C-alpha atoms as a PDB file:
ATOM      1  CA  MET A   1      -0.050   0.027  -0.134  1.00  0.00           C
ATOM      2  CA  GLU A   2       1.468   3.231  -1.053  1.00  0.00           C
ATOM      3  CA  PHE A   3      -0.167   6.893  -0.650  1.00  0.00           C
ATOM      4  CA  ARG A   4       0.649   9.474  -2.975  1.00  0.00           C
ATOM      5  CA  GLU A   5      -0.839  12.437  -5.153  1.00  0.00           C
ATOM      6  CA  PRO A   6      -2.937  12.037  -8.109  1.00  0.00           C
ATOM      7  CA  LYS A   7      -0.946  11.921 -11.282  1.00  0.00           C
ATOM      8  CA  ASP A   8      -3.938  13.508 -13.071  1.00  0.00           C
ATOM      9  CA  ALA A   9      -8.006  13.746 -13.526  1.00  0.00           C
ATOM     10  CA  THR A  10      -8.376  10.739 -15.366  1.00  0.00           C
ATOM     11  CA  GLU A  11      -7.163   8.839 -12.867  1.00  0.00           C
ATOM     12  CA  LEU A  12      -9.470  10.379 -10.404  1.00  0.00           C
ATOM     13  CA  PHE A  13     -12.599   9.819 -12.839  1.00  0.00           C
ATOM     14  CA  GLU A  14     -11.673   6.479 -13.416  1.00  0.00           C
ATOM     15  CA  ILE A  15     -11.525   5.483  -9.782  1.00  0.00           C
ATOM     16  CA  ALA A  16     -14.559   7.576  -9.099  1.00  0.00           C
ATOM     17  CA  LYS A  17     -16.497   5.999 -12.088  1.00  0.00           C
ATOM     18  CA  ASP A  18     -15.857   2.627 -10.824  1.00  0.00           C
ATOM     19  CA  ALA A  19     -16.503   3.381  -7.106  1.00  0.00           C
ATOM     20  CA  TYR A  20     -20.197   5.117  -7.975  1.00  0.00           C
ATOM     21  CA  GLN A  21     -21.097   3.495 -10.765  1.00  0.00           C
ATOM     22  CA  GLU A  22     -23.952   5.981 -11.254  1.00  0.00           C
ATOM     23  CA  LYS A  23     -22.809   9.285 -12.071  1.00  0.00           C
ATOM     24  CA  PRO A  24     -19.202  10.337 -10.958  1.00  0.00           C
ATOM     25  CA  TRP A  25     -18.012  13.927 -11.325  1.00  0.00           C
ATOM     26  CA  PRO A  26     -17.197  14.824 -14.819  1.00  0.00           C
ATOM     27  CA  LEU A  27     -13.881  14.655 -15.389  1.00  0.00           C
ATOM     28  CA  GLU A  28     -13.646  18.484 -16.002  1.00  0.00           C
ATOM     29  CA  SER A  29     -14.376  18.934 -12.128  1.00  0.00           C
ATOM     30  CA  PHE A  30     -11.659  16.769 -11.562  1.00  0.00           C
ATOM     31  CA  GLU A  31      -9.319  18.800 -13.514  1.00  0.00           C
ATOM     32  CA  ARG A  32     -10.823  22.277 -12.365  1.00  0.00           C
ATOM     33  CA  ASP A  33      -9.962  21.058  -8.597  1.00  0.00           C
ATOM     34  CA  LEU A  34      -6.513  19.947  -9.698  1.00  0.00           C
ATOM     35  CA  ALA A  35      -5.813  23.059 -10.686  1.00  0.00           C
ATOM     36  CA  SER A  36      -6.719  24.793  -7.625  1.00  0.00           C
ATOM     37  CA  ARG A  37      -4.255  25.718  -5.383  1.00  0.00           C
ATOM     38  CA  HIS A  38      -6.618  25.089  -2.205  1.00  0.00           C
ATOM     39  CA  THR A  39      -7.549  21.492  -3.310  1.00  0.00           C
ATOM     40  CA  HIS A  40      -5.753  18.608  -2.081  1.00  0.00           C
ATOM     41  CA  TYR A  41      -5.925  14.776  -2.825  1.00  0.00           C
ATOM     42  CA  LEU A  42      -4.185  11.596  -2.041  1.00  0.00           C
ATOM     43  CA  VAL A  43      -4.477   8.621  -3.870  1.00  0.00           C
ATOM     44  CA  LEU A  44      -4.173   4.889  -2.226  1.00  0.00           C
ATOM     45  CA  GLU A  45      -2.744   2.653  -4.568  1.00  0.00           C
ATOM     46  CA  GLU A  46      -2.007  -1.402  -4.180  1.00  0.00           C
ATOM     47  CA  HIS A  47       0.492  -3.097  -6.262  1.00  0.00           C
ATOM     48  CA  GLY A  48       1.007  -0.268  -8.259  1.00  0.00           C
ATOM     49  CA  GLU A  49      -2.518   0.288  -9.003  1.00  0.00           C
ATOM     50  CA  PRO A  50      -4.715   3.156  -7.806  1.00  0.00           C
ATOM     51  CA  VAL A  51      -7.823   1.777  -5.964  1.00  0.00           C
ATOM     52  CA  ALA A  52      -8.872   4.800  -3.841  1.00  0.00           C
ATOM     53  CA  PHE A  53      -8.482   8.668  -3.394  1.00  0.00           C
ATOM     54  CA  VAL A  54     -10.117  11.245  -1.109  1.00  0.00           C
ATOM     55  CA  GLY A  55     -10.061  14.916  -2.091  1.00  0.00           C
ATOM     56  CA  GLY A  56     -11.244  18.151  -0.709  1.00  0.00           C
ATOM     57  CA  THR A  57     -10.664  22.042  -0.467  1.00  0.00           C
ATOM     58  CA  LEU A  58      -8.775  23.708   2.329  1.00  0.00           C
ATOM     59  CA  ILE A  59      -9.564  27.445   3.017  1.00  0.00           C
ATOM     60  CA  ILE A  60      -7.719  29.099   6.110  1.00  0.00           C
ATOM     61  CA  ASP A  61      -8.576  26.257   8.682  1.00  0.00           C
ATOM     62  CA  GLU A  62     -11.519  24.441   7.360  1.00  0.00           C
ATOM     63  CA  LEU A  63     -11.100  21.337   5.017  1.00  0.00           C
ATOM     64  CA  SER A  64     -14.527  20.337   3.229  1.00  0.00           C
ATOM     65  CA  ILE A  65     -14.427  16.949   1.669  1.00  0.00           C
ATOM     66  CA  SER A  66     -15.440  16.961  -1.707  1.00  0.00           C
ATOM     67  CA  ASN A  67     -15.231  13.503  -2.853  1.00  0.00           C
ATOM     68  CA  VAL A  68     -13.921   9.897  -1.164  1.00  0.00           C
ATOM     69  CA  ALA A  69     -13.826   6.942  -3.335  1.00  0.00           C
ATOM     70  CA  VAL A  70     -12.688   3.503  -3.635  1.00  0.00           C
ATOM     71  CA  LYS A  71     -12.771   1.323  -6.321  1.00  0.00           C
ATOM     72  CA  SER A  72     -15.912  -1.165  -6.085  1.00  0.00           C
ATOM     73  CA  ALA A  73     -13.367  -4.419  -5.980  1.00  0.00           C
ATOM     74  CA  PHE A  74     -11.272  -2.969  -3.323  1.00  0.00           C
ATOM     75  CA  GLN A  75     -14.566  -2.082  -0.599  1.00  0.00           C
ATOM     76  CA  GLY A  76     -15.304  -3.172   2.672  1.00  0.00           C
ATOM     77  CA  ARG A  77     -11.726  -3.570   3.590  1.00  0.00           C
ATOM     78  CA  GLY A  78     -11.085  -0.456   5.777  1.00  0.00           C
ATOM     79  CA  LEU A  79      -9.261   1.188   2.832  1.00  0.00           C
ATOM     80  CA  GLY A  80     -11.301   4.488   2.688  1.00  0.00           C
ATOM     81  CA  GLN A  81     -10.948   5.050   6.446  1.00  0.00           C
ATOM     82  CA  LEU A  82      -7.082   4.459   6.082  1.00  0.00           C
ATOM     83  CA  LEU A  83      -7.238   6.969   3.384  1.00  0.00           C
ATOM     84  CA  LEU A  84      -8.702   9.320   5.680  1.00  0.00           C
ATOM     85  CA  MET A  85      -6.538   8.990   8.253  1.00  0.00           C
ATOM     86  CA  GLU A  86      -3.598   9.118   5.984  1.00  0.00           C
ATOM     87  CA  TRP A  87      -4.755  12.702   4.329  1.00  0.00           C
ATOM     88  CA  PHE A  88      -6.002  13.773   8.136  1.00  0.00           C
ATOM     89  CA  ASN A  89      -2.116  13.836   8.962  1.00  0.00           C
ATOM     90  CA  GLN A  90      -1.186  16.439   6.232  1.00  0.00           C
ATOM     91  CA  PHE A  91      -3.170  19.240   8.150  1.00  0.00           C
ATOM     92  CA  PRO A  92      -2.886  20.973  11.146  1.00  0.00           C
ATOM     93  CA  PRO A  93      -4.246  20.537  14.990  1.00  0.00           C
ATOM     94  CA  GLY A  94      -7.426  22.292  15.306  1.00  0.00           C
ATOM     95  CA  THR A  95      -8.516  21.837  11.390  1.00  0.00           C
ATOM     96  CA  ARG A  96     -12.555  21.663  11.313  1.00  0.00           C
ATOM     97  CA  ILE A  97     -12.939  18.886   8.416  1.00  0.00           C
ATOM     98  CA  LEU A  98     -16.690  19.212   6.724  1.00  0.00           C
ATOM     99  CA  LEU A  99     -18.282  16.531   4.777  1.00  0.00           C
ATOM    100  CA  GLU A 100     -21.901  15.993   3.525  1.00  0.00           C
ATOM    101  CA  VAL A 101     -23.202  12.350   2.909  1.00  0.00           C
ATOM    102  CA  ARG A 102     -26.475  10.857   1.614  1.00  0.00           C
ATOM    103  CA  VAL A 103     -28.676   9.559   4.397  1.00  0.00           C
ATOM    104  CA  SER A 104     -28.911   6.375   2.193  1.00  0.00           C
ATOM    105  CA  ASN A 105     -25.207   5.752   2.622  1.00  0.00           C
ATOM    106  CA  GLU A 106     -25.052   3.946   5.883  1.00  0.00           C
ATOM    107  CA  VAL A 107     -21.555   2.408   5.193  1.00  0.00           C
ATOM    108  CA  ALA A 108     -19.905   6.132   4.635  1.00  0.00           C
ATOM    109  CA  GLN A 109     -21.780   7.577   7.932  1.00  0.00           C
ATOM    110  CA  HIS A 110     -20.436   4.504   9.718  1.00  0.00           C
ATOM    111  CA  VAL A 111     -17.102   5.300   8.600  1.00  0.00           C
ATOM    112  CA  TYR A 112     -17.286   8.983   9.676  1.00  0.00           C
ATOM    113  CA  GLN A 113     -18.504   8.614  13.193  1.00  0.00           C
ATOM    114  CA  LYS A 114     -15.661   5.723  13.624  1.00  0.00           C
ATOM    115  CA  LEU A 115     -13.519   8.421  13.187  1.00  0.00           C
ATOM    116  CA  GLY A 116     -15.166  11.036  15.191  1.00  0.00           C
ATOM    117  CA  PHE A 117     -17.328  13.097  13.029  1.00  0.00           C
ATOM    118  CA  ASN A 118     -20.638  14.129  14.013  1.00  0.00           C
ATOM    119  CA  VAL A 119     -23.905  15.302  12.284  1.00  0.00           C
ATOM    120  CA  TYR A 120     -24.908  19.157  13.066  1.00  0.00           C
ATOM    121  CA  HIS A 121     -27.379  19.486  10.186  1.00  0.00           C
ATOM    122  CA  ARG A 122     -29.507  17.373   7.694  1.00  0.00           C
ATOM    123  CA  ARG A 123     -30.034  19.447   4.083  1.00  0.00           C
ATOM    124  CA  LYS A 124     -32.995  18.512   2.524  1.00  0.00           C
ATOM    125  CA  ASP A 125     -32.975  17.499  -1.183  1.00  0.00           C
ATOM    126  CA  TYR A 126     -29.432  18.045  -1.496  1.00  0.00           C
ATOM    127  CA  TYR A 127     -28.495  15.494  -3.814  1.00  0.00           C
ATOM    128  CA  HIS A 128     -30.122  14.399  -7.091  1.00  0.00           C
ATOM    129  CA  ASN A 129     -30.226  11.213  -9.479  1.00  0.00           C
ATOM    130  CA  PRO A 130     -31.875  10.404  -6.869  1.00  0.00           C
ATOM    131  CA  VAL A 131     -32.940  13.388  -4.995  1.00  0.00           C
ATOM    132  CA  GLU A 132     -32.301  12.851  -1.389  1.00  0.00           C
ATOM    133  CA  ASP A 133     -31.275  14.477   1.840  1.00  0.00           C
ATOM    134  CA  ALA A 134     -27.853  14.854   3.039  1.00  0.00           C
ATOM    135  CA  LEU A 135     -26.496  14.610   6.410  1.00  0.00           C
ATOM    136  CA  LEU A 136     -23.770  17.635   6.979  1.00  0.00           C
ATOM    137  CA  MET A 137     -21.275  16.139   9.267  1.00  0.00           C
ATOM    138  CA  ASP A 138     -17.643  17.985  10.818  1.00  0.00           C
ATOM    139  CA  TYR A 139     -14.842  17.032  12.789  1.00  0.00           C
ATOM    140  CA  PHE A 140     -11.622  18.735  14.650  1.00  0.00           C
ATOM    141  CA  LEU A 141      -8.582  17.394  14.102  1.00  0.00           C
END
């Protein structure tokens, strides 16, 4: 297992496409994200293959997680949690980490709660395809 920065937007898009199998972010969104000096990504490789990533935007002392994806063949092995813990080490203590998660995504909610995240709000109809509420969660490093 190795952690590194993404090589390019296509790499992130391919992981997301496999992980979500619905509608991942468009490739252009990853390209814009990687071009920003405020955006930080970490990729997890297993045997030289990129299998997961996490990304988000850091503004002053708030890190907003925008995307976490683990290829379907690698899900259920705790890699998402491992990836997040390693990524959090890059940011200073006191950083507030924010995220949104689908109400139906109980697996992700469980991972976030194990890491110490708390729900602070529910945003109605935040997601589309299908329309669904989001739980807003935060955690302080």
